[in-house]
Every structure is written in C-alpha cells, then in structure tokens.
C-alpha cells in the first residue's frame, strides 16, 4: 500500500512469538524494516521517518580488481535484514540508511577471483560515508605444475575456501607456474 499519513496494510494474525516483517519505503528518507506481531485486536504502529545517512563505496577483491558482478546485503547489529544493494559493473554500490550500526554480507566476482563471499564486522554509520571499500583478506597461491621429468606440466586448478563467514572459489589454467587466489584462512 502507498499513501501519506495513515496507511493500512493487511496481514495474517501471527501465532504467539511469531512476527511479520513490515518494510517501509518512504518517498524521502531511508527504507525501514519492522518485525511486528499481528493480533485480532487493533493493530496500530507509528513510524517516524528519520533523515538518513548516505553510504556508498566499492567492492574489490583485495588483489587489485573491482567486482564485475554481485550484491551486498545489509544487516543491522541485531542481525535483522535491512537492504539489498546490486553492484554496478564496476563494483560500486550506494544506499541510504538510518543512522546506526551495520554489517555487510558481500557476494561478488572479479576478473581475479571467480566468486567471493565475505561478511564485514559491525561498524557505526552516523554520518555520510562515500568511500566505503569492502574487500576480503585474500592471498595468491602459486602452484608449480611439473611432469615426472621435472618439465613444466599443464593443468587446471580449482581452489575452494570455506569458513563460517566467508567463501571463495577461483580457478586458473596454465603450464608451469599457475596462480589462484583464496581468502586467508584462520588457524585450524
């Protein structure tokens, strides 16, 4: 539903402990998300539209390449989903957020790394940020392929890294020394 002032939307009555997610996209100001319970009694919610902070930046791969595809999901400090941001062809993104604390979950690909996923730590956004660089901690893995007689061999490499809050997949083919990139792993 759309409108100015009082707007009515309908939802199914929720069971105790369950909620519905109400997303609010005001004409001016940042989008808002509220988890609400709906009872069979009167349900009224007053939402104050606050001025937002502009957040923009770029996703890069940590080894000199910007994202060529992907997206950024934004979550508040409680883990509630806030926004989906599609990346431009050069890895740029931008949005308006309610001032607060947020973390970013990135899924993207670059010319250097086929696919990379990582989550940032939570940080404060109380004023406009125009140069937020989201990049993972990655490193090259150089592999030398040799035949039994020690001459250079040809082949294809696939490197898959997995962690609790990160993932990367890269592939490369070549003869002799071949380089793939992966996210730096924690000990163990």
Protein backbone atom coordinates (compact mmCIF):
# COMPACT_ATOMS: atom_id res chain seq x y z
CA UNK A 1 0.00 0.00 0.00
CA UNK A 2 1.10 3.57 -0.56
CA UNK A 3 -0.03 6.87 0.83
CA UNK A 4 0.64 9.81 3.10
CA UNK A 5 -0.17 9.89 6.81
CA UNK A 6 -2.25 6.90 7.89
CA UNK A 7 -1.80 3.85 5.62
CA UNK A 8 -3.46 0.46 6.17
CA UNK A 9 -1.95 -2.88 5.17
CA UNK A 10 -3.32 -6.32 6.00
CA UNK A 11 -1.54 -9.40 7.27
CA UNK A 12 -2.43 -12.74 8.77
CA UNK A 13 -2.76 -12.94 12.53
CA UNK A 14 0.51 -14.23 13.93
CA UNK A 15 0.92 -17.01 16.44
CA UNK A 16 2.47 -16.05 19.80
CA UNK A 17 6.19 -15.43 19.34
CA UNK A 18 5.94 -15.14 15.55
CA UNK A 19 6.25 -11.91 13.63
CA UNK A 20 5.67 -10.44 10.19
CA UNK A 21 8.20 -8.17 8.54
CA UNK A 22 6.91 -4.74 7.56
CA UNK A 23 9.14 -2.92 5.05
CA UNK A 24 8.63 0.81 4.70
CA UNK A 25 9.95 2.69 1.66
CA UNK A 26 9.32 6.39 2.29
CA UNK A 27 9.50 8.91 -0.55
CA UNK A 28 12.15 10.79 1.45
CA UNK A 29 14.48 9.04 3.85
CA UNK A 30 15.89 5.55 4.22
CA UNK A 31 13.91 2.33 4.00
CA UNK A 32 12.84 0.87 7.33
CA UNK A 33 12.06 -2.67 8.43
CA UNK A 34 9.98 -3.56 11.47
CA UNK A 35 9.13 -7.02 12.78
CA UNK A 36 5.59 -6.87 14.13
CA UNK A 37 3.05 -9.17 15.73
CA UNK A 38 -0.49 -9.03 14.33
CA UNK A 39 -3.33 -9.78 16.72
CA UNK A 40 -7.07 -9.97 16.15
CA UNK A 41 -7.39 -6.74 18.16
CA UNK A 42 -6.48 -3.26 16.92
CA UNK A 43 -3.02 -3.16 15.36
CA UNK A 44 -1.51 0.27 15.04
CA UNK A 45 2.08 1.30 14.55
CA UNK A 46 3.50 4.81 14.46
CA UNK A 47 6.67 5.09 12.38
CA UNK A 48 8.79 8.22 12.39
CA UNK A 49 10.68 8.76 9.16
CA UNK A 50 14.19 9.84 10.11
CA UNK A 51 16.80 11.56 8.00
CA UNK A 52 19.29 9.01 6.77
CA UNK A 53 22.99 8.79 6.12
CA UNK A 54 24.28 8.16 2.63
CA UNK A 55 26.59 5.15 2.35
CA UNK A 56 28.41 4.41 -0.89
CA UNK A 57 31.55 2.65 -1.91
CA UNK A 58 33.07 -0.19 -3.86
CA UNK A 59 33.57 -3.94 -3.61
CA UNK A 60 37.04 -5.13 -4.58
CA UNK A 61 38.88 -8.42 -4.31
CA UNK A 62 41.88 -7.38 -2.23
CA UNK A 63 44.34 -8.03 -5.08
CA UNK A 64 43.64 -5.06 -7.32
CA UNK A 65 40.36 -5.97 -9.00
CA UNK A 66 36.92 -4.44 -8.57
CA UNK A 67 33.79 -6.56 -8.61
CA UNK A 68 32.26 -7.12 -12.04
CA UNK A 69 29.05 -8.61 -10.66
CA UNK A 70 27.42 -9.21 -7.31
CA UNK A 71 25.48 -7.71 -4.46
CA UNK A 72 25.69 -6.55 -0.87
CA UNK A 73 23.15 -7.47 1.79
CA UNK A 74 23.00 -5.04 4.71
CA UNK A 75 22.08 -6.19 8.25
CA UNK A 76 21.71 -4.15 11.42
CA UNK A 77 23.63 -5.01 14.58
CA UNK A 78 20.86 -7.38 15.75
CA UNK A 79 21.12 -9.36 12.51
CA UNK A 80 17.88 -8.02 11.02
CA UNK A 81 17.96 -7.70 7.24
CA UNK A 82 17.95 -4.07 6.08
CA UNK A 83 18.73 -3.80 2.36
CA UNK A 84 19.84 -5.49 -0.86
CA UNK A 85 22.30 -3.49 -2.97
CA UNK A 86 23.08 -4.62 -6.51
CA UNK A 87 26.60 -3.77 -7.63
CA UNK A 88 27.25 -1.75 -10.78
CA UNK A 89 29.51 -3.23 -13.47
CA UNK A 90 32.50 -1.54 -11.79
CA UNK A 91 31.67 -2.81 -8.29
CA UNK A 92 30.05 0.33 -6.90
CA UNK A 93 27.04 0.50 -4.56
CA UNK A 94 25.09 3.12 -2.65
CA UNK A 95 22.15 3.40 -0.29
CA UNK A 96 20.62 5.50 2.44
CA UNK A 97 20.46 4.05 5.96
CA UNK A 98 19.01 5.12 9.27
CA UNK A 99 21.99 6.18 11.42
CA UNK A 100 23.12 3.09 13.31
CA UNK A 101 25.38 0.03 13.35
CA UNK A 102 25.52 -2.27 10.34
CA UNK A 103 27.41 -5.20 8.84
CA UNK A 104 27.63 -6.15 5.17
CA UNK A 105 27.48 -9.58 3.54
CA UNK A 106 29.09 -9.48 0.08
CA UNK A 107 28.80 -11.96 -2.78
CA UNK A 108 30.71 -10.94 -5.90
CA UNK A 109 33.09 -11.93 -8.66
CA UNK A 110 36.08 -10.13 -10.16
CA UNK A 111 38.50 -10.63 -13.03
CA UNK A 112 40.93 -12.14 -10.48
CA UNK A 113 38.57 -14.29 -8.37
CA UNK A 114 35.57 -16.12 -9.82
CA UNK A 115 33.40 -15.87 -6.71
CA UNK A 116 33.98 -14.46 -3.27
CA UNK A 117 31.69 -14.12 -0.27
CA UNK A 118 32.53 -12.42 3.00
CA UNK A 119 30.93 -10.63 5.92
CA UNK A 120 32.28 -7.46 7.48
CA UNK A 121 32.29 -6.65 11.15
CA UNK A 122 29.65 -4.32 12.58
CA UNK A 123 30.51 -0.65 12.35
CA UNK A 124 28.90 2.71 13.12
CA UNK A 125 27.27 4.86 10.44
CA UNK A 126 26.32 8.20 11.97
CA UNK A 127 27.27 10.44 9.05
CA UNK A 128 27.61 10.12 5.28
CA UNK A 129 30.28 7.71 4.02
CA UNK A 130 31.25 7.96 0.35
CA UNK A 131 34.37 5.79 0.21
CA UNK A 132 33.49 2.51 1.92
CA UNK A 133 35.79 -0.14 0.47
CA UNK A 134 34.55 -3.64 1.07
CA UNK A 135 37.25 -6.17 0.35
CA UNK A 136 38.20 -9.56 1.79
CA UNK A 137 41.57 -10.69 3.05
CA UNK A 138 42.94 -12.77 0.16
CA UNK A 139 46.32 -14.06 -0.92
CA UNK A 140 47.73 -15.71 -4.02
CA UNK A 141 48.51 -19.41 -4.04
CA UNK A 142 51.26 -20.13 -6.58
CA UNK A 143 51.39 -23.73 -7.78
CA UNK A 144 54.15 -25.10 -9.97
CA UNK A 145 52.99 -28.00 -12.13
CA UNK A 146 55.74 -30.43 -13.11
CA UNK A 147 55.87 -33.64 -15.09
CA UNK A 148 57.80 -36.61 -13.66
CA UNK A 149 60.87 -35.49 -15.65
CA UNK A 150 60.66 -32.02 -13.97
CA UNK A 151 59.49 -30.30 -17.19
CA UNK A 152 56.54 -27.87 -16.88
CA UNK A 153 53.16 -29.61 -16.89
CA UNK A 154 49.80 -28.18 -17.94
CA UNK A 155 46.62 -28.33 -15.95
CA UNK A 156 43.73 -26.56 -14.32
CA UNK A 157 43.50 -25.55 -10.67
CA UNK A 158 40.32 -25.06 -8.62
CA UNK A 159 40.68 -23.50 -5.17
CA UNK A 160 37.66 -23.56 -2.87
CA UNK A 161 37.92 -21.90 0.54
CA UNK A 162 35.17 -22.15 3.14
CA UNK A 163 34.74 -20.55 6.53
CA UNK A 164 31.95 -19.56 8.90
CA UNK A 165 31.55 -16.11 7.35
CA UNK A 166 33.49 -16.38 4.11
CA UNK A 167 33.80 -18.39 0.92
CA UNK A 168 35.85 -18.07 -2.24
CA UNK A 169 36.11 -20.09 -5.43
CA UNK A 170 38.80 -19.49 -8.01
CA UNK A 171 40.11 -21.39 -11.00
CA UNK A 172 43.04 -20.97 -13.34
CA UNK A 173 44.70 -22.98 -16.08
CA UNK A 174 48.24 -22.89 -17.34
CA UNK A 175 51.59 -24.51 -17.76
CA UNK A 176 54.31 -24.46 -15.13
CA UNK A 177 53.56 -21.81 -12.51
CA UNK A 178 49.81 -21.14 -12.11
CA UNK A 179 48.29 -18.69 -9.60
CA UNK A 180 44.88 -18.87 -7.93
CA UNK A 181 43.54 -16.63 -5.16
CA UNK A 182 41.82 -17.58 -1.92
CA UNK A 183 40.67 -15.96 1.28
CA UNK A 184 43.13 -16.13 4.14
CA UNK A 185 42.05 -18.93 6.48
CA UNK A 186 42.07 -18.86 10.25
CA UNK A 187 44.29 -21.40 12.04
CA UNK A 188 42.71 -24.83 12.31
